[in-house]
Amino acid sequence: MSIEATTLSILGVIIAMALVTLATRWGGVYAMSFVPIRPRVQRFIQAMSGSVLVALLAPMAVAGDTAARLALLTTAGVMLVFKKPLLAIACGVVAAALFRYF
């Protein structure tokens, strides 16, 4: 299956992807409105951010270059020290950017 790459078809694909993304996000919020937030569910939700971080970084450890591996190590180190995924990702991106710049 292929789509001809015209401006209109590309815009249509972007809109379709945006709608699917919104539907999954809103659907998740709607489904979670029926789940009581007990300590077990809260621990699961908190652990999800770490697992998403690992899923994003694991391919870099296998197929990445030196900058990607430096970013991985930086991200892992910041995550272990501060336990804040967003900060860890930001530090990893900055480490890779600085390595590639110099």
PDB file of N, CA and C in Angstrom:
ATOM      1  N   MET A   1       0.843  -1.176   0.000  1.00  0.00           N
ATOM      2  CA  MET A   1       0.000   0.000   0.000  1.00  0.00           C
ATOM      3  C   MET A   1       0.885   1.234   0.000  1.00  0.00           C
ATOM      4  N   SER A   2       0.562   2.173  -0.850  1.00  0.00           N
ATOM      5  CA  SER A   2       1.325   3.415  -0.897  1.00  0.00           C
ATOM      6  C   SER A   2       0.377   4.580  -1.095  1.00  0.00           C
ATOM      7  N   ILE A   3       0.817   5.722  -0.654  1.00  0.00           N
ATOM      8  CA  ILE A   3       0.041   6.948  -0.792  1.00  0.00           C
ATOM      9  C   ILE A   3       0.893   7.922  -1.591  1.00  0.00           C
ATOM     10  N   GLU A   4       0.294   8.532  -2.601  1.00  0.00           N
ATOM     11  CA  GLU A   4       1.032   9.502  -3.388  1.00  0.00           C
ATOM     12  C   GLU A   4       1.378  10.703  -2.512  1.00  0.00           C
ATOM     13  N   ALA A   5       2.616  11.143  -2.579  1.00  0.00           N
ATOM     14  CA  ALA A   5       3.106  12.194  -1.688  1.00  0.00           C
ATOM     15  C   ALA A   5       2.764  13.582  -2.222  1.00  0.00           C
ATOM     16  N   THR A   6       1.513  13.948  -2.080  1.00  0.00           N
ATOM     17  CA  THR A   6       1.110  15.310  -2.390  1.00  0.00           C
ATOM     18  C   THR A   6       0.893  16.035  -1.076  1.00  0.00           C
ATOM     19  N   THR A   7       0.824  17.329  -1.149  1.00  0.00           N
ATOM     20  CA  THR A   7       0.627  18.127   0.068  1.00  0.00           C
ATOM     21  C   THR A   7      -0.667  17.732   0.771  1.00  0.00           C
ATOM     22  N   LEU A   8      -1.715  17.512   0.006  1.00  0.00           N
ATOM     23  CA  LEU A   8      -3.006  17.158   0.586  1.00  0.00           C
ATOM     24  C   LEU A   8      -2.970  15.782   1.240  1.00  0.00           C
ATOM     25  N   SER A   9      -2.315  14.801   0.591  1.00  0.00           N
ATOM     26  CA  SER A   9      -2.267  13.465   1.186  1.00  0.00           C
ATOM     27  C   SER A   9      -1.396  13.449   2.434  1.00  0.00           C
ATOM     28  N   ILE A  10      -0.313  14.201   2.430  1.00  0.00           N
ATOM     29  CA  ILE A  10       0.540  14.266   3.624  1.00  0.00           C
ATOM     30  C   ILE A  10      -0.224  14.915   4.764  1.00  0.00           C
ATOM     31  N   LEU A  11      -0.939  15.983   4.478  1.00  0.00           N
ATOM     32  CA  LEU A  11      -1.751  16.643   5.500  1.00  0.00           C
ATOM     33  C   LEU A  11      -2.825  15.696   6.026  1.00  0.00           C
ATOM     34  N   GLY A  12      -3.435  14.915   5.137  1.00  0.00           N
ATOM     35  CA  GLY A  12      -4.440  13.941   5.562  1.00  0.00           C
ATOM     36  C   GLY A  12      -3.862  12.880   6.488  1.00  0.00           C
ATOM     37  N   VAL A  13      -2.659  12.406   6.189  1.00  0.00           N
ATOM     38  CA  VAL A  13      -2.012  11.409   7.049  1.00  0.00           C
ATOM     39  C   VAL A  13      -1.703  12.014   8.409  1.00  0.00           C
ATOM     40  N   ILE A  14      -1.218  13.245   8.435  1.00  0.00           N
ATOM     41  CA  ILE A  14      -0.916  13.902   9.706  1.00  0.00           C
ATOM     42  C   ILE A  14      -2.177  14.081  10.536  1.00  0.00           C
ATOM     43  N   ILE A  15      -3.260  14.495   9.906  1.00  0.00           N
ATOM     44  CA  ILE A  15      -4.530  14.666  10.631  1.00  0.00           C
ATOM     45  C   ILE A  15      -5.037  13.327  11.151  1.00  0.00           C
ATOM     46  N   ALA A  16      -4.935  12.285  10.329  1.00  0.00           N
ATOM     47  CA  ALA A  16      -5.378  10.956  10.775  1.00  0.00           C
ATOM     48  C   ALA A  16      -4.547  10.477  11.959  1.00  0.00           C
ATOM     49  N   MET A  17      -3.253  10.685  11.905  1.00  0.00           N
ATOM     50  CA  MET A  17      -2.395  10.269  13.017  1.00  0.00           C
ATOM     51  C   MET A  17      -2.720  11.064  14.277  1.00  0.00           C
ATOM     52  N   ALA A  18      -3.006  12.358  14.121  1.00  0.00           N
ATOM     53  CA  ALA A  18      -3.369  13.181  15.270  1.00  0.00           C
ATOM     54  C   ALA A  18      -4.673  12.700  15.896  1.00  0.00           C
ATOM     55  N   LEU A  19      -5.642  12.351  15.057  1.00  0.00           N
ATOM     56  CA  LEU A  19      -6.925  11.864  15.575  1.00  0.00           C
ATOM     57  C   LEU A  19      -6.775  10.529  16.309  1.00  0.00           C
ATOM     58  N   VAL A  20      -5.968   9.635  15.754  1.00  0.00           N
ATOM     59  CA  VAL A  20      -5.736   8.348  16.419  1.00  0.00           C
ATOM     60  C   VAL A  20      -5.018   8.567  17.759  1.00  0.00           C
ATOM     61  N   THR A  21      -4.036   9.471  17.771  1.00  0.00           N
ATOM     62  CA  THR A  21      -3.322   9.767  19.011  1.00  0.00           C
ATOM     63  C   THR A  21      -4.274  10.331  20.060  1.00  0.00           C
ATOM     64  N   LEU A  22      -5.107  11.281  19.666  1.00  0.00           N
ATOM     65  CA  LEU A  22      -6.069  11.854  20.609  1.00  0.00           C
ATOM     66  C   LEU A  22      -7.055  10.801  21.107  1.00  0.00           C
ATOM     67  N   ALA A  23      -7.511   9.938  20.207  1.00  0.00           N
ATOM     68  CA  ALA A  23      -8.468   8.903  20.607  1.00  0.00           C
ATOM     69  C   ALA A  23      -7.858   7.947  21.631  1.00  0.00           C
ATOM     70  N   THR A  24      -6.604   7.562  21.424  1.00  0.00           N
ATOM     71  CA  THR A  24      -5.984   6.644  22.387  1.00  0.00           C
ATOM     72  C   THR A  24      -5.735   7.335  23.718  1.00  0.00           C
ATOM     73  N   ARG A  25      -5.322   8.586  23.681  1.00  0.00           N
ATOM     74  CA  ARG A  25      -5.087   9.300  24.941  1.00  0.00           C
ATOM     75  C   ARG A  25      -6.388   9.528  25.700  1.00  0.00           C
ATOM     76  N   TRP A  26      -7.392  10.032  25.007  1.00  0.00           N
ATOM     77  CA  TRP A  26      -8.670  10.272  25.667  1.00  0.00           C
ATOM     78  C   TRP A  26      -9.330   8.963  26.080  1.00  0.00           C
ATOM     79  N   GLY A  27      -9.165   7.928  25.270  1.00  0.00           N
ATOM     80  CA  GLY A  27      -9.718   6.623  25.623  1.00  0.00           C
ATOM     81  C   GLY A  27      -9.081   6.062  26.882  1.00  0.00           C
ATOM     82  N   GLY A  28      -7.779   6.277  27.026  1.00  0.00           N
ATOM     83  CA  GLY A  28      -7.095   5.827  28.238  1.00  0.00           C
ATOM     84  C   GLY A  28      -7.583   6.563  29.471  1.00  0.00           C
ATOM     85  N   VAL A  29      -7.775   7.858  29.337  1.00  0.00           N
ATOM     86  CA  VAL A  29      -8.290   8.648  30.468  1.00  0.00           C
ATOM     87  C   VAL A  29      -9.706   8.198  30.808  1.00  0.00           C
ATOM     88  N   TYR A  30     -10.512   7.955  29.781  1.00  0.00           N
ATOM     89  CA  TYR A  30     -11.886   7.495  30.008  1.00  0.00           C
ATOM     90  C   TYR A  30     -11.893   6.125  30.691  1.00  0.00           C
ATOM     91  N   ALA A  31     -11.062   5.205  30.216  1.00  0.00           N
ATOM     92  CA  ALA A  31     -11.008   3.870  30.820  1.00  0.00           C
ATOM     93  C   ALA A  31     -10.518   3.940  32.263  1.00  0.00           C
ATOM     94  N   MET A  32      -9.532   4.806  32.518  1.00  0.00           N
ATOM     95  CA  MET A  32      -9.008   4.913  33.883  1.00  0.00           C
ATOM     96  C   MET A  32      -9.993   5.591  34.834  1.00  0.00           C
ATOM     97  N   SER A  33     -11.001   6.261  34.297  1.00  0.00           N
ATOM     98  CA  SER A  33     -11.995   6.867  35.187  1.00  0.00           C
ATOM     99  C   SER A  33     -12.815   5.801  35.906  1.00  0.00           C
ATOM    100  N   PHE A  34     -12.787   4.563  35.401  1.00  0.00           N
ATOM    101  CA  PHE A  34     -13.517   3.473  36.044  1.00  0.00           C
ATOM    102  C   PHE A  34     -12.635   2.663  36.994  1.00  0.00           C
ATOM    103  N   VAL A  35     -11.345   2.971  37.058  1.00  0.00           N
ATOM    104  CA  VAL A  35     -10.410   2.206  37.888  1.00  0.00           C
ATOM    105  C   VAL A  35     -10.126   2.999  39.158  1.00  0.00           C
ATOM    106  N   PRO A  36     -10.397   2.416  40.319  1.00  0.00           N
ATOM    107  CA  PRO A  36     -10.050   3.123  41.556  1.00  0.00           C
ATOM    108  C   PRO A  36      -8.523   3.154  41.712  1.00  0.00           C
ATOM    109  N   ILE A  37      -8.003   4.332  42.065  1.00  0.00           N
ATOM    110  CA  ILE A  37      -6.555   4.493  42.189  1.00  0.00           C
ATOM    111  C   ILE A  37      -6.143   4.057  43.597  1.00  0.00           C
ATOM    112  N   ARG A  38      -5.798   2.792  43.681  1.00  0.00           N
ATOM    113  CA  ARG A  38      -5.299   2.221  44.939  1.00  0.00           C
ATOM    114  C   ARG A  38      -3.774   2.238  44.884  1.00  0.00           C
ATOM    115  N   PRO A  39      -3.111   1.926  45.983  1.00  0.00           N
ATOM    116  CA  PRO A  39      -1.641   1.967  45.985  1.00  0.00           C
ATOM    117  C   PRO A  39      -1.002   1.096  44.906  1.00  0.00           C
ATOM    118  N   ARG A  40      -1.580  -0.063  44.620  1.00  0.00           N
ATOM    119  CA  ARG A  40      -1.014  -0.948  43.596  1.00  0.00           C
ATOM    120  C   ARG A  40      -1.103  -0.311  42.203  1.00  0.00           C
ATOM    121  N   VAL A  41      -2.242   0.282  41.885  1.00  0.00           N
ATOM    122  CA  VAL A  41      -2.421   0.944  40.596  1.00  0.00           C
ATOM    123  C   VAL A  41      -1.505   2.166  40.514  1.00  0.00           C
ATOM    124  N   GLN A  42      -1.366   2.883  41.596  1.00  0.00           N
ATOM    125  CA  GLN A  42      -0.493   4.056  41.615  1.00  0.00           C
ATOM    126  C   GLN A  42       0.964   3.659  41.368  1.00  0.00           C
ATOM    127  N   ARG A  43       1.418   2.569  41.972  1.00  0.00           N
ATOM    128  CA  ARG A  43       2.788   2.084  41.736  1.00  0.00           C
ATOM    129  C   ARG A  43       2.970   1.672  40.281  1.00  0.00           C
ATOM    130  N   PHE A  44       1.957   1.039  39.697  1.00  0.00           N
ATOM    131  CA  PHE A  44       2.019   0.643  38.291  1.00  0.00           C
ATOM    132  C   PHE A  44       2.158   1.866  37.387  1.00  0.00           C
ATOM    133  N   ILE A  45       1.367   2.881  37.639  1.00  0.00           N
ATOM    134  CA  ILE A  45       1.410   4.090  36.819  1.00  0.00           C
ATOM    135  C   ILE A  45       2.771   4.767  36.951  1.00  0.00           C
ATOM    136  N   GLN A  46       3.311   4.815  38.154  1.00  0.00           N
ATOM    137  CA  GLN A  46       4.624   5.429  38.351  1.00  0.00           C
ATOM    138  C   GLN A  46       5.732   4.631  37.671  1.00  0.00           C
ATOM    139  N   ALA A  47       5.607   3.317  37.634  1.00  0.00           N
ATOM    140  CA  ALA A  47       6.629   2.480  37.010  1.00  0.00           C
ATOM    141  C   ALA A  47       6.575   2.562  35.487  1.00  0.00           C
ATOM    142  N   MET A  48       5.437   2.942  34.934  1.00  0.00           N
ATOM    143  CA  MET A  48       5.310   3.015  33.479  1.00  0.00           C
ATOM    144  C   MET A  48       6.273   4.028  32.871  1.00  0.00           C
ATOM    145  N   SER A  49       6.497   5.156  33.526  1.00  0.00           N
ATOM    146  CA  SER A  49       7.383   6.166  32.944  1.00  0.00           C
ATOM    147  C   SER A  49       8.801   5.625  32.818  1.00  0.00           C
ATOM    148  N   GLY A  50       9.249   4.875  33.795  1.00  0.00           N
ATOM    149  CA  GLY A  50      10.577   4.272  33.713  1.00  0.00           C
ATOM    150  C   GLY A  50      10.668   3.223  32.621  1.00  0.00           C
ATOM    151  N   SER A  51       9.617   2.446  32.447  1.00  0.00           N
ATOM    152  CA  SER A  51       9.654   1.412  31.411  1.00  0.00           C
ATOM    153  C   SER A  51       9.603   2.023  30.009  1.00  0.00           C
ATOM    154  N   VAL A  52       8.887   3.123  29.855  1.00  0.00           N
ATOM    155  CA  VAL A  52       8.881   3.815  28.567  1.00  0.00           C
ATOM    156  C   VAL A  52      10.272   4.381  28.283  1.00  0.00           C
ATOM    157  N   LEU A  53      10.914   4.912  29.293  1.00  0.00           N
ATOM    158  CA  LEU A  53      12.269   5.430  29.137  1.00  0.00           C
ATOM    159  C   LEU A  53      13.224   4.333  28.678  1.00  0.00           C
ATOM    160  N   VAL A  54      13.141   3.165  29.291  1.00  0.00           N
ATOM    161  CA  VAL A  54      13.997   2.049  28.900  1.00  0.00           C
ATOM    162  C   VAL A  54      13.686   1.604  27.476  1.00  0.00           C
ATOM    163  N   ALA A  55      12.410   1.565  27.116  1.00  0.00           N
ATOM    164  CA  ALA A  55      12.035   1.160  25.764  1.00  0.00           C
ATOM    165  C   ALA A  55      12.551   2.125  24.710  1.00  0.00           C
ATOM    166  N   LEU A  56      12.648   3.385  25.049  1.00  0.00           N
ATOM    167  CA  LEU A  56      13.180   4.360  24.102  1.00  0.00           C
ATOM    168  C   LEU A  56      14.698   4.276  23.977  1.00  0.00           C
ATOM    169  N   LEU A  57      15.361   3.944  25.060  1.00  0.00           N
ATOM    170  CA  LEU A  57      16.825   3.992  25.075  1.00  0.00           C
ATOM    171  C   LEU A  57      17.499   2.672  24.732  1.00  0.00           C
ATOM    172  N   ALA A  58      16.833   1.566  24.890  1.00  0.00           N
ATOM    173  CA  ALA A  58      17.463   0.266  24.626  1.00  0.00           C
ATOM    174  C   ALA A  58      17.952   0.112  23.187  1.00  0.00           C
ATOM    175  N   PRO A  59      17.193   0.518  22.169  1.00  0.00           N
ATOM    176  CA  PRO A  59      17.723   0.396  20.807  1.00  0.00           C
ATOM    177  C   PRO A  59      18.997   1.207  20.583  1.00  0.00           C
ATOM    178  N   MET A  60      19.123   2.345  21.269  1.00  0.00           N
ATOM    179  CA  MET A  60      20.337   3.149  21.141  1.00  0.00           C
ATOM    180  C   MET A  60      21.556   2.423  21.690  1.00  0.00           C
ATOM    181  N   ALA A  61      21.350   1.649  22.737  1.00  0.00           N
ATOM    182  CA  ALA A  61      22.476   0.916  23.320  1.00  0.00           C
ATOM    183  C   ALA A  61      23.002  -0.127  22.354  1.00  0.00           C
ATOM    184  N   VAL A  62      22.143  -0.658  21.524  1.00  0.00           N
ATOM    185  CA  VAL A  62      22.531  -1.721  20.593  1.00  0.00           C
ATOM    186  C   VAL A  62      23.076  -1.148  19.285  1.00  0.00           C
ATOM    187  N   ALA A  63      22.392  -0.193  18.697  1.00  0.00           N
ATOM    188  CA  ALA A  63      22.736   0.254  17.348  1.00  0.00           C
ATOM    189  C   ALA A  63      23.260   1.683  17.281  1.00  0.00           C
ATOM    190  N   GLY A  64      23.435   2.336  18.410  1.00  0.00           N
ATOM    191  CA  GLY A  64      23.814   3.740  18.388  1.00  0.00           C
ATOM    192  C   GLY A  64      25.302   3.974  18.240  1.00  0.00           C
ATOM    193  N   ASP A  65      25.642   5.217  17.949  1.00  0.00           N
ATOM    194  CA  ASP A  65      27.038   5.606  17.863  1.00  0.00           C
ATOM    195  C   ASP A  65      27.534   6.035  19.246  1.00  0.00           C
ATOM    196  N   THR A  66      28.712   6.627  19.303  1.00  0.00           N
ATOM    197  CA  THR A  66      29.296   7.021  20.590  1.00  0.00           C
ATOM    198  C   THR A  66      28.447   8.076  21.285  1.00  0.00           C
ATOM    199  N   ALA A  67      27.933   9.028  20.534  1.00  0.00           N
ATOM    200  CA  ALA A  67      27.091  10.065  21.135  1.00  0.00           C
ATOM    201  C   ALA A  67      25.820   9.468  21.727  1.00  0.00           C
ATOM    202  N   ALA A  68      25.239   8.502  21.036  1.00  0.00           N
ATOM    203  CA  ALA A  68      24.028   7.859  21.542  1.00  0.00           C
ATOM    204  C   ALA A  68      24.325   7.082  22.821  1.00  0.00           C
ATOM    205  N   ARG A  69      25.453   6.408  22.856  1.00  0.00           N
ATOM    206  CA  ARG A  69      25.818   5.661  24.069  1.00  0.00           C
ATOM    207  C   ARG A  69      26.123   6.604  25.229  1.00  0.00           C
ATOM    208  N   LEU A  70      26.765   7.737  24.939  1.00  0.00           N
ATOM    209  CA  LEU A  70      27.011   8.737  25.980  1.00  0.00           C
ATOM    210  C   LEU A  70      25.682   9.272  26.507  1.00  0.00           C
ATOM    211  N   ALA A  71      24.735   9.520  25.608  1.00  0.00           N
ATOM    212  CA  ALA A  71      23.408   9.979  26.030  1.00  0.00           C
ATOM    213  C   ALA A  71      22.729   8.932  26.900  1.00  0.00           C
ATOM    214  N   LEU A  72      22.880   7.670  26.528  1.00  0.00           N
ATOM    215  CA  LEU A  72      22.292   6.587  27.310  1.00  0.00           C
ATOM    216  C   LEU A  72      22.883   6.542  28.716  1.00  0.00           C
ATOM    217  N   LEU A  73      24.193   6.628  28.800  1.00  0.00           N
ATOM    218  CA  LEU A  73      24.842   6.602  30.120  1.00  0.00           C
ATOM    219  C   LEU A  73      24.459   7.819  30.954  1.00  0.00           C
ATOM    220  N   THR A  74      24.399   8.971  30.311  1.00  0.00           N
ATOM    221  CA  THR A  74      24.002  10.188  31.022  1.00  0.00           C
ATOM    222  C   THR A  74      22.568  10.067  31.526  1.00  0.00           C
ATOM    223  N   THR A  75      21.691   9.590  30.672  1.00  0.00           N
ATOM    224  CA  THR A  75      20.288   9.432  31.052  1.00  0.00           C
ATOM    225  C   THR A  75      20.140   8.448  32.205  1.00  0.00           C
ATOM    226  N   ALA A  76      20.840   7.331  32.117  1.00  0.00           N
ATOM    227  CA  ALA A  76      20.761   6.332  33.182  1.00  0.00           C
ATOM    228  C   ALA A  76      21.305   6.893  34.494  1.00  0.00           C
ATOM    229  N   GLY A  77      22.417   7.605  34.421  1.00  0.00           N
ATOM    230  CA  GLY A  77      23.000   8.174  35.640  1.00  0.00           C
ATOM    231  C   GLY A  77      22.102   9.204  36.291  1.00  0.00           C
ATOM    232  N   VAL A  78      21.560  10.112  35.480  1.00  0.00           N
ATOM    233  CA  VAL A  78      20.668  11.141  36.031  1.00  0.00           C
ATOM    234  C   VAL A  78      19.402  10.493  36.590  1.00  0.00           C
ATOM    235  N   MET A  79      18.900   9.468  35.907  1.00  0.00           N
ATOM    236  CA  MET A  79      17.694   8.781  36.389  1.00  0.00           C
ATOM    237  C   MET A  79      17.948   8.104  37.726  1.00  0.00           C
ATOM    238  N   LEU A  80      19.111   7.479  37.869  1.00  0.00           N
ATOM    239  CA  LEU A  80      19.432   6.814  39.136  1.00  0.00           C
ATOM    240  C   LEU A  80      19.596   7.808  40.279  1.00  0.00           C
ATOM    241  N   VAL A  81      20.167   8.976  39.982  1.00  0.00           N
ATOM    242  CA  VAL A  81      20.414   9.960  41.044  1.00  0.00           C
ATOM    243  C   VAL A  81      19.155  10.736  41.393  1.00  0.00           C
ATOM    244  N   PHE A  82      18.462  11.263  40.382  1.00  0.00           N
ATOM    245  CA  PHE A  82      17.338  12.164  40.647  1.00  0.00           C
ATOM    246  C   PHE A  82      15.966  11.517  40.538  1.00  0.00           C
ATOM    247  N   LYS A  83      15.877  10.372  39.866  1.00  0.00           N
ATOM    248  CA  LYS A  83      14.617   9.646  39.694  1.00  0.00           C
ATOM    249  C   LYS A  83      13.528  10.514  39.043  1.00  0.00           C
ATOM    250  N   LYS A  84      13.933  11.316  38.059  1.00  0.00           N
ATOM    251  CA  LYS A  84      13.009  12.170  37.317  1.00  0.00           C
ATOM    252  C   LYS A  84      13.232  11.911  35.826  1.00  0.00           C
ATOM    253  N   PRO A  85      12.299  11.195  35.181  1.00  0.00           N
ATOM    254  CA  PRO A  85      12.507  10.809  33.780  1.00  0.00           C
ATOM    255  C   PRO A  85      12.687  11.984  32.821  1.00  0.00           C
ATOM    256  N   LEU A  86      11.913  13.038  32.970  1.00  0.00           N
ATOM    257  CA  LEU A  86      12.022  14.161  32.052  1.00  0.00           C
ATOM    258  C   LEU A  86      13.390  14.826  32.152  1.00  0.00           C
ATOM    259  N   LEU A  87      13.874  15.010  33.366  1.00  0.00           N
ATOM    260  CA  LEU A  87      15.203  15.580  33.579  1.00  0.00           C
ATOM    261  C   LEU A  87      16.271  14.668  32.983  1.00  0.00           C
ATOM    262  N   ALA A  88      16.117  13.362  33.176  1.00  0.00           N
ATOM    263  CA  ALA A  88      17.088  12.409  32.648  1.00  0.00           C
ATOM    264  C   ALA A  88      17.129  12.442  31.128  1.00  0.00           C
ATOM    265  N   ILE A  89      15.982  12.497  30.496  1.00  0.00           N
ATOM    266  CA  ILE A  89      15.928  12.551  29.029  1.00  0.00           C
ATOM    267  C   ILE A  89      16.564  13.848  28.532  1.00  0.00           C
ATOM    268  N   ALA A  90      16.243  14.952  29.176  1.00  0.00           N
ATOM    269  CA  ALA A  90      16.805  16.236  28.769  1.00  0.00           C
ATOM    270  C   ALA A  90      18.326  16.236  28.890  1.00  0.00           C
ATOM    271  N   CYS A  91      18.841  15.691  29.972  1.00  0.00           N
ATOM    272  CA  CYS A  91      20.299  15.629  30.150  1.00  0.00           C
ATOM    273  C   CYS A  91      20.940  14.719  29.105  1.00  0.00           C
ATOM    274  N   GLY A  92      20.294  13.630  28.762  1.00  0.00           N
ATOM    275  CA  GLY A  92      20.814  12.741  27.727  1.00  0.00           C
ATOM    276  C   GLY A  92      20.858  13.411  26.373  1.00  0.00           C
ATOM    277  N   VAL A  93      19.826  14.158  26.042  1.00  0.00           N
ATOM    278  CA  VAL A  93      19.792  14.873  24.764  1.00  0.00           C
ATOM    279  C   VAL A  93      20.894  15.927  24.721  1.00  0.00           C
ATOM    280  N   VAL A  94      21.065  16.648  25.816  1.00  0.00           N
ATOM    281  CA  VAL A  94      22.107  17.679  25.877  1.00  0.00           C
ATOM    282  C   VAL A  94      23.488  17.035  25.757  1.00  0.00           C
ATOM    283  N   ALA A  95      23.706  15.903  26.423  1.00  0.00           N
ATOM    284  CA  ALA A  95      25.003  15.222  26.347  1.00  0.00           C
ATOM    285  C   ALA A  95      25.308  14.795  24.907  1.00  0.00           C
ATOM    286  N   ALA A  96      24.337  14.233  24.218  1.00  0.00           N
ATOM    287  CA  ALA A  96      24.556  13.821  22.823  1.00  0.00           C
ATOM    288  C   ALA A  96      24.806  15.029  21.930  1.00  0.00           C
ATOM    289  N   ALA A  97      24.055  16.099  22.142  1.00  0.00           N
ATOM    290  CA  ALA A  97      24.220  17.305  21.325  1.00  0.00           C
ATOM    291  C   ALA A  97      25.608  17.919  21.537  1.00  0.00           C
ATOM    292  N   LEU A  98      26.037  17.980  22.787  1.00  0.00           N
ATOM    293  CA  LEU A  98      27.359  18.545  23.063  1.00  0.00           C
ATOM    294  C   LEU A  98      28.467  17.673  22.480  1.00  0.00           C
ATOM    295  N   PHE A  99      28.325  16.356  22.602  1.00  0.00           N
ATOM    296  CA  PHE A  99      29.339  15.443  22.046  1.00  0.00           C
ATOM    297  C   PHE A  99      29.424  15.608  20.537  1.00  0.00           C
ATOM    298  N   ARG A 100      28.297  15.701  19.881  1.00  0.00           N
ATOM    299  CA  ARG A 100      28.298  15.837  18.420  1.00  0.00           C
ATOM    300  C   ARG A 100      28.762  17.227  17.988  1.00  0.00           C
ATOM    301  N   TYR A 101      28.537  18.222  18.816  1.00  0.00           N
ATOM    302  CA  TYR A 101      28.974  19.575  18.478  1.00  0.00           C
ATOM    303  C   TYR A 101      30.496  19.683  18.533  1.00  0.00           C
ATOM    304  N   PHE A 102      31.074  19.123  19.580  1.00  0.00           N
ATOM    305  CA  PHE A 102      32.536  19.198  19.738  1.00  0.00           C
ATOM    306  C   PHE A 102      33.164  17.979  19.137  1.00  0.00           C
TER     307      PHE A 102
END
